[in-house]
Structures are given as C-alpha cells and as structure tokens.
Amino acid sequence: MNSIFLSYSGSRTDRAVLFYALRDHGLTPWRDVESLELGDDTTDVIEQELARATGVILWVNEDVLASTYVATIELPAIARASRQGRLRIVPVFDGLSPTQGTERLAAFGLEIGESNGHIVDWTVDADDTAAEIARRYVRSHVKDAWEFGEDPVLRLVSYDDTADLRAVSVLNLDWRHHFASGRPEPAAKLRMRSALTAATGSIKNAYGGAEITLAVKAHLPLAVAIGNAFAEPTGCTLRMPRDGVEWTTMRAVGESALLKAEEARKGPVDSRVASVEVSVTRNVEAGVTAHLGAGHRYRHRLILAPEQGPGRESLNGPATANVWGHQIGDALSMLADRTDVDRIDLFLATPVELAVLIGWWANAAGPIGLMNWTGKTGPYEQIWALP
C-alpha cells in the first residue's frame, strides 16, 4: 500500500539517509541494489516491484543519467509502470535545474512536470534534505490514499515487526533502526518527533475527524506519543484490533473499577517536577527507586496500580482500559495544574493499547517526560516529551 521505489545512483551513505528518512515517515522504500536477491532476474523483479509500488522517488543527477543500468533497466521500467496505472513520480533535481532534468528524462520516455519535484540545496545537510523530501512525499501519499478510498490505517513499530495490518497500512512508521543500540540518539529523537508530526498531521488533514486504525508494536513512550497525536479535540477515534479484540477510544467512559491511587510522601520543596507511576503489567517501583537513587527528585509522586496488584492479567479488556486511560489522563492534568509543578515524568508498565489510550486522554496535560526502561536492567531515561 505504501511501497516506494527508490531510484538513486550515488553515495551509499546519502542513499541510506534517504532510505531511513522515508521509513521514519511511514513509507516503505525499495531499492534494487539492497533488495534484490542473488540470482534474481533484475528486470522482472523491478517490474513486479513497480507494479506494487504507489510511487517512485527519482534522483536526477549526472550520475543517474550517465548510468547504463539506470538508462537501460530502471528508467524504461518506470516509464512503462507510469503509463499502466497509478504511480506518483517525484523527481529530486540534484545539480540540474527542473527544466534540464525533465528534458533529459524525456529522452527515456519519462514525462514529468517541472514543478512537482524537489531541488537539492547543496548547502543543506543530507539528513535535513532527506527529511524534507520525506515530509513532502508523505503529504501527497496520504492525500492519494484518501482520494482512492483507502482506509486510514497506521502502523508503528520500534522493536520488532509483528504488528498486524502491514498489508493495508497507509503509513508504516518503522523506527527499529533508531533502537538498534538500545536507545536513540538525541538527533534521532528529533527526527522521530518531526516524522510523527508529519505523518499524523497528513492523516488528520486528509481524513479529518475519522476513525483511525492503529497497529502498534513499540516502546510504551512512543505508544503514548502516537495516541496523543490524535488526542481530543481532533475528533479522531482510535481503533486497535488485536487477537480478535478491539481496543477503542470511547468518549463515554463506562463503569469499571478505577486504579488504586496512592500519593507518596512529598519530596524536596525546591523540586518542581512530579511523577506518575503506573504499574499494570508489572511493578515499576524498583526502577523508579533506582531513578531516585541516581539523584532525581520529585516534589509529588502519584502511584497507580490495579486493586489486586500488577500482573499480566490485571487488565480485563478494552472498556476497563478506556476507564483507566481517562483516569490517568485526568491525574496528569490535575498535577500539571498545580502551581508548584513545571513538569511530570510518566513511568509505565502497561499493555501497549493502554499506553495509546493514555496519550489520547492526556490532551490537556503537559509538559510530560515519557520515561523508558532501557534494556533488561534499566535505568529509566526520558525518550519522548509531550507536547
């Protein structure tokens, strides 16, 4: 649904930067140099991939136009695919003006407009160039999906790719590469935040206050972040089907037992930070205690857990999850309203669907530091912030 054919002859490093920028924004890039298997018939595989693709990003520079491989295999295949059906072609003019580039491509049977591409500015960092191309492309891609009547389906994965709905996703945010070393670098966090804003903003702009279907297999702070991106008052309803059960944001809160709430003894008066600690699937107390032992101090600490204690089976279904999400959202808002609190750190051990619901309900609270348990032994560290 969102496969992008990447035609690029040039630096492997710069090509990888664009490849990962597209993945960050929910697009699935396919590049023959990396994706072909040994023994594959190059032309046949490229034809098959282009038949599945919704778009092509075509890097247009002297290297591309001088490449025998590109000239004899890729460009003719792209031209045939373009004539046969829906295929958005986005040229990236690198060292050539749009007029020069379109004239040169016309010789290969490719007719593209001069105004629908991106002009590379050599004074701009490669990461920023790639991100801008991805942002512009994702807006057009989602608009195309809406016009063709596709449902707004969004996936987010950050540690494996077993989430459902891949075949029907409009966007597939694949952030696994940012966590390959266990924790994302500061620059990676900024890229993820920018990509999430672009991706969810594109869906909201195209589909309006629609029902958004999510499949999330990600670190809990990221699940909170994606829920918050669609939080009220956007009008969006979030639907998360998994194993035959549908977890849905419901504005009408039902009757379920609330989480038990306890306030720890107040911390030092010179601290203007509060913590909210939610132990549903396991107890976060030991990790938070270690965090405090490392020198972090909280003026207020709110501890929330099921009445019967944390455990894998403590959350009995979507209705209860919605009640708990609403309760936690209210608790965050009330703490944020205190005159002696400037920030809240949120510690979670919950099912991923509940984390999404917490983000959706936390529409009036902030700033919130979303804390992540790193590796198997910790410690906690902030990997995201709301808003």
Protein backbone atom coordinates (compact mmCIF):
# COMPACT_ATOMS: atom_id res chain seq x y z
CA MET A 1 0.00 0.00 0.00
CA ASN A 2 2.87 2.40 0.71
CA SER A 3 5.83 0.89 -1.16
CA ILE A 4 8.12 3.49 -2.70
CA PHE A 5 10.59 2.59 -5.42
CA LEU A 6 13.82 4.49 -4.82
CA SER A 7 15.88 5.15 -7.95
CA TYR A 8 19.17 6.58 -6.78
CA SER A 9 22.68 6.35 -8.20
CA GLY A 10 25.20 7.98 -5.91
CA SER A 11 26.73 7.88 -2.44
CA ARG A 12 25.68 4.79 -0.48
CA THR A 13 25.67 6.90 2.70
CA ASP A 14 23.37 9.56 1.24
CA ARG A 15 21.13 6.85 -0.22
CA ALA A 16 20.84 5.22 3.21
CA VAL A 17 19.93 8.59 4.77
CA LEU A 18 17.01 8.97 2.36
CA PHE A 19 16.02 5.31 2.80
CA TYR A 20 15.72 5.71 6.57
CA ALA A 21 14.02 9.10 6.35
CA LEU A 22 11.28 7.51 4.25
CA ARG A 23 10.90 4.68 6.81
CA ASP A 24 10.71 7.24 9.62
CA HIS A 25 7.74 8.89 7.89
CA GLY A 26 5.82 5.67 7.34
CA LEU A 27 6.83 4.85 3.78
CA THR A 28 8.35 1.53 2.70
CA PRO A 29 11.27 2.21 0.36
CA TRP A 30 12.54 -0.43 -2.06
CA ARG A 31 15.95 -0.02 -3.63
CA ASP A 32 17.08 -2.71 -6.07
CA VAL A 33 20.74 -2.57 -5.05
CA GLU A 34 19.84 -3.58 -1.49
CA SER A 35 16.63 -5.53 -2.11
CA LEU A 36 17.46 -7.88 -4.98
CA GLU A 37 18.28 -11.46 -4.05
CA LEU A 38 21.14 -13.41 -5.59
CA GLY A 39 20.06 -14.91 -8.91
CA ASP A 40 17.01 -12.68 -9.37
CA ASP A 41 16.15 -11.53 -12.87
CA THR A 42 16.70 -7.80 -12.42
CA THR A 43 14.19 -6.57 -14.96
CA ASP A 44 11.42 -8.94 -13.85
CA VAL A 45 11.86 -8.11 -10.17
CA ILE A 46 11.86 -4.36 -10.83
CA GLU A 47 8.73 -4.68 -12.98
CA GLN A 48 6.99 -6.64 -10.21
CA GLU A 49 8.01 -4.13 -7.55
CA LEU A 50 6.85 -1.18 -9.62
CA ALA A 51 3.50 -2.91 -10.15
CA ARG A 52 3.07 -2.96 -6.35
CA ALA A 53 4.50 0.48 -5.68
CA THR A 54 2.44 3.60 -5.19
CA GLY A 55 5.30 5.91 -6.05
CA VAL A 56 8.84 6.47 -7.27
CA ILE A 57 11.40 8.87 -5.91
CA LEU A 58 13.74 9.51 -8.82
CA TRP A 59 17.04 11.16 -8.02
CA VAL A 60 18.01 13.14 -11.12
CA ASN A 61 21.69 13.99 -11.46
CA GLU A 62 24.51 13.38 -13.90
CA ASP A 63 25.41 10.05 -12.24
CA VAL A 64 21.88 8.73 -12.75
CA LEU A 65 21.62 9.91 -16.35
CA ALA A 66 25.07 8.52 -17.20
CA SER A 67 24.38 5.10 -15.65
CA THR A 68 23.89 2.37 -18.26
CA TYR A 69 22.00 0.29 -15.69
CA VAL A 70 19.58 3.11 -14.87
CA ALA A 71 19.16 4.07 -18.51
CA THR A 72 18.53 0.56 -19.84
CA ILE A 73 16.63 -1.05 -16.94
CA GLU A 74 15.23 1.34 -14.31
CA LEU A 75 14.03 4.34 -16.33
CA PRO A 76 12.26 2.32 -19.06
CA ALA A 77 10.59 0.17 -16.38
CA ILE A 78 9.43 3.28 -14.52
CA ALA A 79 8.09 4.77 -17.76
CA ARG A 80 6.09 1.59 -18.53
CA ALA A 81 4.70 1.39 -14.98
CA SER A 82 3.69 5.04 -15.10
CA ARG A 83 1.71 4.50 -18.30
CA GLN A 84 -0.04 1.42 -16.91
CA GLY A 85 -1.53 2.81 -13.71
CA ARG A 86 -1.36 4.83 -10.51
CA LEU A 87 2.21 5.82 -9.79
CA ARG A 88 3.34 9.11 -8.27
CA ILE A 89 6.78 10.06 -9.61
CA VAL A 90 8.70 12.61 -7.56
CA PRO A 91 11.90 13.85 -9.17
CA VAL A 92 14.74 15.15 -6.99
CA PHE A 93 16.85 17.53 -9.05
CA ASP A 94 20.47 17.39 -7.89
CA GLY A 95 22.79 19.69 -9.84
CA LEU A 96 20.30 20.03 -12.68
CA SER A 97 17.51 22.54 -12.98
CA PRO A 98 13.96 21.16 -13.29
CA THR A 99 13.93 22.20 -16.97
CA GLN A 100 17.22 20.43 -17.67
CA GLY A 101 16.16 17.36 -15.73
CA THR A 102 12.77 16.95 -17.37
CA GLU A 103 14.26 17.40 -20.84
CA ARG A 104 16.89 14.74 -20.18
CA LEU A 105 14.34 12.29 -18.75
CA ALA A 106 12.01 12.79 -21.70
CA ALA A 107 14.63 11.06 -23.86
CA PHE A 108 13.96 7.90 -21.84
CA GLY A 109 10.19 8.12 -22.28
CA LEU A 110 9.53 9.69 -18.88
CA GLU A 111 7.29 12.75 -18.95
CA ILE A 112 7.30 14.58 -15.61
CA GLY A 113 6.31 18.09 -14.65
CA GLU A 114 8.92 20.67 -13.75
CA SER A 115 7.10 21.88 -10.64
CA ASN A 116 6.34 18.63 -8.82
CA GLY A 117 9.81 17.78 -7.55
CA HIS A 118 12.43 18.79 -5.02
CA ILE A 119 15.53 20.85 -5.81
CA VAL A 120 18.58 19.83 -3.76
CA ASP A 121 20.34 22.68 -1.99
CA TRP A 122 23.96 21.62 -1.54
CA THR A 123 24.33 23.94 1.47
CA VAL A 124 21.73 21.90 3.40
CA ASP A 125 22.72 18.85 5.44
CA ALA A 126 21.89 15.48 3.83
CA ASP A 127 19.74 14.45 6.81
CA ASP A 128 17.65 17.63 6.53
CA THR A 129 17.31 17.21 2.76
CA ALA A 130 16.12 13.63 3.16
CA ALA A 131 13.64 14.60 5.89
CA GLU A 132 12.17 17.39 3.75
CA ILE A 133 11.74 15.05 0.77
CA ALA A 134 10.02 12.50 3.05
CA ARG A 135 7.74 15.12 4.64
CA ARG A 136 6.62 16.45 1.27
CA TYR A 137 6.12 12.98 -0.13
CA VAL A 138 4.09 11.69 2.81
CA ARG A 139 1.59 14.56 2.47
CA SER A 140 0.99 13.67 -1.18
CA HIS A 141 0.92 9.95 -0.48
CA VAL A 142 -1.77 10.22 2.20
CA LYS A 143 -3.83 12.56 0.04
CA ASP A 144 -3.64 9.98 -2.77
CA ALA A 145 -4.75 7.24 -0.38
CA TRP A 146 -7.77 9.28 0.71
CA GLU A 147 -8.74 10.06 -2.89
CA PHE A 148 -8.56 6.37 -3.79
CA GLY A 149 -10.84 5.48 -0.86
CA GLU A 150 -8.27 3.69 1.27
CA ASP A 151 -8.96 3.42 4.99
CA PRO A 152 -6.73 5.40 7.39
CA VAL A 153 -4.57 2.59 8.78
CA LEU A 154 -1.35 3.44 10.59
CA ARG A 155 1.36 1.14 11.99
CA LEU A 156 4.18 1.97 14.39
CA VAL A 157 6.99 -0.46 15.16
CA SER A 158 10.17 0.20 17.10
CA TYR A 159 11.45 -3.17 18.31
CA ASP A 160 10.03 -5.85 16.04
CA ASP A 161 7.72 -6.04 13.06
CA THR A 162 5.00 -8.43 14.21
CA ALA A 163 2.18 -5.88 14.39
CA ASP A 164 -0.87 -6.64 12.27
CA LEU A 165 -2.20 -4.69 9.27
CA ARG A 166 1.01 -4.25 7.32
CA ALA A 167 -0.66 -5.17 4.01
CA VAL A 168 -3.33 -2.49 4.37
CA SER A 169 -1.46 0.29 6.14
CA VAL A 170 -1.47 3.73 4.57
CA LEU A 171 1.62 4.54 6.63
CA ASN A 172 4.03 2.16 8.34
CA LEU A 173 6.27 4.06 10.76
CA ASP A 174 9.31 1.83 11.07
CA TRP A 175 11.66 3.15 13.75
CA ARG A 176 13.54 -0.03 14.62
CA HIS A 177 16.85 1.33 13.33
CA HIS A 178 16.79 4.09 15.93
CA PHE A 179 16.78 1.50 18.73
CA ALA A 180 19.41 -0.86 17.31
CA SER A 181 21.84 0.16 20.07
CA GLY A 182 19.15 0.13 22.77
CA ARG A 183 18.49 3.85 22.97
CA PRO A 184 18.03 6.55 20.31
CA GLU A 185 20.49 9.40 19.99
CA PRO A 186 19.20 12.97 20.60
CA ALA A 187 19.23 13.72 16.85
CA ALA A 188 17.22 10.55 16.21
CA LYS A 189 14.60 11.63 18.75
CA LEU A 190 14.18 14.93 16.92
CA ARG A 191 13.80 13.10 13.59
CA MET A 192 11.17 10.77 15.07
CA ARG A 193 9.21 13.67 16.56
CA SER A 194 9.26 15.51 13.23
CA ALA A 195 8.24 12.36 11.35
CA LEU A 196 5.36 11.65 13.73
CA THR A 197 4.07 15.20 13.36
CA ALA A 198 4.25 14.97 9.56
CA ALA A 199 2.66 11.53 9.35
CA THR A 200 -0.22 12.07 11.76
CA GLY A 201 -0.78 15.61 10.53
CA SER A 202 -1.11 14.31 6.98
CA ILE A 203 -3.72 11.75 8.04
CA LYS A 204 -5.71 14.31 10.03
CA ASN A 205 -5.61 16.82 7.17
CA ALA A 206 -6.70 14.26 4.58
CA TYR A 207 -9.25 12.24 6.57
CA GLY A 208 -10.49 14.78 9.13
CA GLY A 209 -12.15 13.50 12.30
CA ALA A 210 -12.13 9.91 11.14
CA GLU A 211 -11.75 6.56 12.83
CA ILE A 212 -8.03 5.76 12.68
CA THR A 213 -6.97 2.12 12.82
CA LEU A 214 -3.66 1.58 14.62
CA ALA A 215 -1.31 -1.38 14.94
CA VAL A 216 1.45 -0.63 17.45
CA LYS A 217 4.42 -2.77 18.43
CA ALA A 218 6.60 -0.16 20.05
CA HIS A 219 8.18 1.16 23.21
CA LEU A 220 5.48 2.47 25.54
CA PRO A 221 6.51 6.16 25.37
CA LEU A 222 6.09 6.00 21.58
CA ALA A 223 2.65 4.42 22.01
CA VAL A 224 1.69 7.31 24.31
CA ALA A 225 3.05 9.77 21.73
CA ILE A 226 1.02 8.35 18.84
CA GLY A 227 -2.13 8.34 20.96
CA ASN A 228 -1.51 11.94 21.93
CA ALA A 229 -1.02 12.94 18.28
CA PHE A 230 -4.70 12.08 17.71
CA ALA A 231 -5.91 13.33 21.11
CA GLU A 232 -9.02 15.40 21.58
CA PRO A 233 -10.08 17.84 20.25
CA THR A 234 -9.07 16.36 16.85
CA GLY A 235 -12.30 14.35 16.71
CA CYS A 236 -10.35 11.22 15.76
CA THR A 237 -11.35 7.88 17.23
CA LEU A 238 -8.59 5.30 17.59
CA ARG A 239 -9.30 1.64 16.92
CA MET A 240 -6.70 -1.04 17.74
CA PRO A 241 -7.66 -4.58 16.73
CA ARG A 242 -5.52 -7.41 18.14
CA ASP A 243 -6.20 -11.14 18.58
CA GLY A 244 -9.89 -10.70 17.86
CA VAL A 245 -10.32 -7.89 20.39
CA GLU A 246 -10.85 -4.23 19.50
CA TRP A 247 -9.41 -1.57 21.79
CA THR A 248 -11.15 1.71 21.02
CA THR A 249 -11.07 5.22 22.43
CA MET A 250 -14.54 5.96 23.79
CA ARG A 251 -15.57 9.42 24.91
CA ALA A 252 -18.34 7.93 27.04
CA VAL A 253 -16.47 6.41 29.97
CA GLY A 254 -18.08 3.24 31.32
CA GLU A 255 -18.36 1.77 34.79
CA SER A 256 -15.18 -0.11 35.70
CA ALA A 257 -13.12 -0.25 38.85
CA LEU A 258 -10.54 2.52 38.95
CA LEU A 259 -6.86 2.06 39.56
CA LYS A 260 -5.85 2.39 43.20
CA ALA A 261 -4.14 5.76 43.64
CA GLU A 262 -1.59 6.48 46.34
CA GLU A 263 0.46 9.59 46.92
CA ALA A 264 3.96 9.11 48.25
CA ARG A 265 5.36 11.49 50.81
CA LYS A 266 6.22 14.85 49.27
CA GLY A 267 9.77 15.37 48.09
CA PRO A 268 12.08 18.39 48.40
CA VAL A 269 10.41 21.78 48.10
CA ASP A 270 12.96 23.00 45.56
CA SER A 271 11.90 20.34 43.06
CA ARG A 272 9.23 21.42 40.60
CA VAL A 273 8.86 18.03 38.97
CA ALA A 274 6.18 15.40 39.70
CA SER A 275 5.99 11.73 38.78
CA VAL A 276 3.09 9.49 37.81
CA GLU A 277 3.95 5.80 38.17
CA VAL A 278 1.55 3.30 36.55
CA SER A 279 2.10 -0.38 37.41
CA VAL A 280 -0.36 -2.56 35.48
CA THR A 281 1.57 -5.47 33.93
CA ARG A 282 4.44 -5.24 36.43
CA ASN A 283 5.55 -3.07 39.32
CA VAL A 284 7.68 -0.06 38.33
CA GLU A 285 8.62 0.73 41.94
CA ALA A 286 12.10 -0.78 41.86
CA GLY A 287 13.03 1.07 38.67
CA VAL A 288 11.70 4.37 39.97
CA THR A 289 13.55 3.84 43.26
CA ALA A 290 16.78 3.36 41.30
CA HIS A 291 15.97 6.52 39.33
CA LEU A 292 15.59 8.41 42.59
CA GLY A 293 18.84 6.90 43.83
CA ALA A 294 20.60 8.36 40.79
CA GLY A 295 19.76 11.86 42.04
CA HIS A 296 16.35 12.59 40.50
CA ARG A 297 13.89 14.25 42.87
CA TYR A 298 10.12 14.66 42.71
CA ARG A 299 8.00 17.08 44.71
CA HIS A 300 4.92 14.91 44.14
CA ARG A 301 4.65 11.19 43.37
CA LEU A 302 1.36 9.59 42.32
CA ILE A 303 1.37 5.77 42.26
CA LEU A 304 -1.38 3.96 40.33
CA ALA A 305 -1.98 0.21 40.22
CA PRO A 306 -4.88 -2.24 39.95
CA GLU A 307 -6.59 -3.02 43.26
CA GLN A 308 -5.43 -6.65 43.06
CA GLY A 309 -1.88 -5.62 42.15
CA PRO A 310 0.10 -5.62 38.89
CA GLY A 311 0.10 -8.64 36.62
CA ARG A 312 -0.29 -9.77 33.03
CA GLU A 313 -3.99 -10.47 33.51
CA SER A 314 -4.85 -7.41 35.60
CA LEU A 315 -6.41 -5.52 32.68
CA ASN A 316 -9.62 -7.36 31.76
CA GLY A 317 -10.48 -5.68 28.46
CA PRO A 318 -10.93 -2.56 26.34
CA ALA A 319 -13.70 -0.99 28.44
CA THR A 320 -11.53 -1.05 31.56
CA ALA A 321 -8.56 0.22 29.58
CA ASN A 322 -10.58 3.25 28.47
CA VAL A 323 -11.61 3.98 32.06
CA TRP A 324 -8.01 3.69 33.26
CA GLY A 325 -6.72 5.80 30.38
CA HIS A 326 -9.24 8.50 31.29
CA GLN A 327 -8.29 8.28 34.97
CA ILE A 328 -4.57 8.61 34.23
CA GLY A 329 -5.20 11.48 31.80
CA ASP A 330 -7.16 13.33 34.49
CA ALA A 331 -4.43 12.68 37.05
CA LEU A 332 -1.81 14.14 34.71
CA SER A 333 -3.97 17.20 34.07
CA MET A 334 -4.56 17.83 37.77
CA LEU A 335 -0.86 17.58 38.56
CA ALA A 336 0.00 19.84 35.62
CA ASP A 337 -2.39 22.46 37.02
CA ARG A 338 -0.50 22.70 40.30
CA THR A 339 1.44 25.92 40.77
CA ASP A 340 4.44 24.02 42.18
CA VAL A 341 4.79 21.63 39.20
CA ASP A 342 6.59 22.54 35.96
CA ARG A 343 6.93 19.03 34.52
CA ILE A 344 5.66 15.49 35.04
CA ASP A 345 7.63 12.30 34.40
CA LEU A 346 5.44 9.35 33.42
CA PHE A 347 6.60 5.79 34.20
CA LEU A 348 4.57 2.98 32.62
CA ALA A 349 4.27 -0.78 32.71
CA THR A 350 1.07 -1.39 30.73
CA PRO A 351 -0.21 -3.14 27.61
CA VAL A 352 0.67 -1.06 24.55
CA GLU A 353 -3.02 -0.34 23.83
CA LEU A 354 -3.46 1.24 27.26
CA ALA A 355 -0.40 3.40 26.60
CA VAL A 356 -2.05 4.67 23.39
CA LEU A 357 -5.25 5.41 25.34
CA ILE A 358 -3.30 7.31 27.99
CA GLY A 359 -1.80 9.50 25.27
CA TRP A 360 -5.22 10.09 23.72
CA TRP A 361 -6.71 11.16 27.07
CA ALA A 362 -3.67 13.27 28.08
CA ASN A 363 -4.76 16.12 25.83
CA ALA A 364 -4.74 18.86 28.47
CA ALA A 365 -1.58 17.99 30.38
CA GLY A 366 1.99 18.98 29.73
CA PRO A 367 4.86 19.13 29.63
CA ILE A 368 5.26 15.39 30.30
CA GLY A 369 8.50 13.46 30.13
CA LEU A 370 7.82 9.91 28.88
CA MET A 371 10.23 7.57 30.61
CA ASN A 372 11.55 4.37 29.06
CA TRP A 373 13.11 1.36 30.78
CA THR A 374 16.30 0.73 28.77
CA GLY A 375 17.47 -2.81 28.13
CA LYS A 376 16.83 -5.58 30.63
CA THR A 377 18.37 -3.88 33.63
CA GLY A 378 17.42 -0.24 33.14
CA PRO A 379 17.83 2.52 34.02
CA TYR A 380 14.87 4.75 33.22
CA GLU A 381 15.52 7.62 30.87
CA GLN A 382 13.30 10.06 29.00
CA ILE A 383 12.92 9.26 25.31
CA TRP A 384 9.94 11.47 24.46
CA ALA A 385 8.17 14.55 25.73
CA LEU A 386 4.62 15.86 25.43
CA PRO A 387 3.65 18.10 23.87
